[in-house]
């Protein structure tokens, strides 16, 4: 008797990543998916999901990032992201890999040490969070690195609101710091 077995298997695991505490003894990407970072909400997910911003490595193409549709009304697009652990940010990396005609003109990051985990409340509060990274001009298909002298020291934070002005796509967002 011949049995046909599928050539591929799919395993889905649901839950929240809980990395080992000893991993956080030095500076790490507190926003990385592998360190427990997660996407809470976004203003637009037309071409991509903000979860892609947290993936390891650089994006492999434009589909491997968060991109919004063209914004025709005043304002900007945004996403709210939760850090894996509460920490103080010392370096930020914004990657616009593969985004050439559709990269954001500017980016601004707000942050807070939020105690709530209710996504609706976080989104409403995020409008009033303090500025972690003041508005910065971005370039197409490039890695933008911002060090301590360009970042406002807000103390330990748990959540960020990434504002892309007016719209466009980001491949990755990295927030390096120490757990506090």
Foldseek 3Di string as FASTA:
>chain_A
DDDDDDPDDDDDDDDFADDDPVVQPDKDQQQASNLRKDWLDWPAQPQHDQRLQRYPDWAPEQSSWGFGPDDPDDAAIKTKMWGSAWFWFFKKKWFQAHFAPFAFQKKWKFFAADPDPPSVVCVVCQVPGHTQAHIDGDHHRDIDMDGNVRTDTPGITTMMMMIGPHTGITRYMTTIGGHD
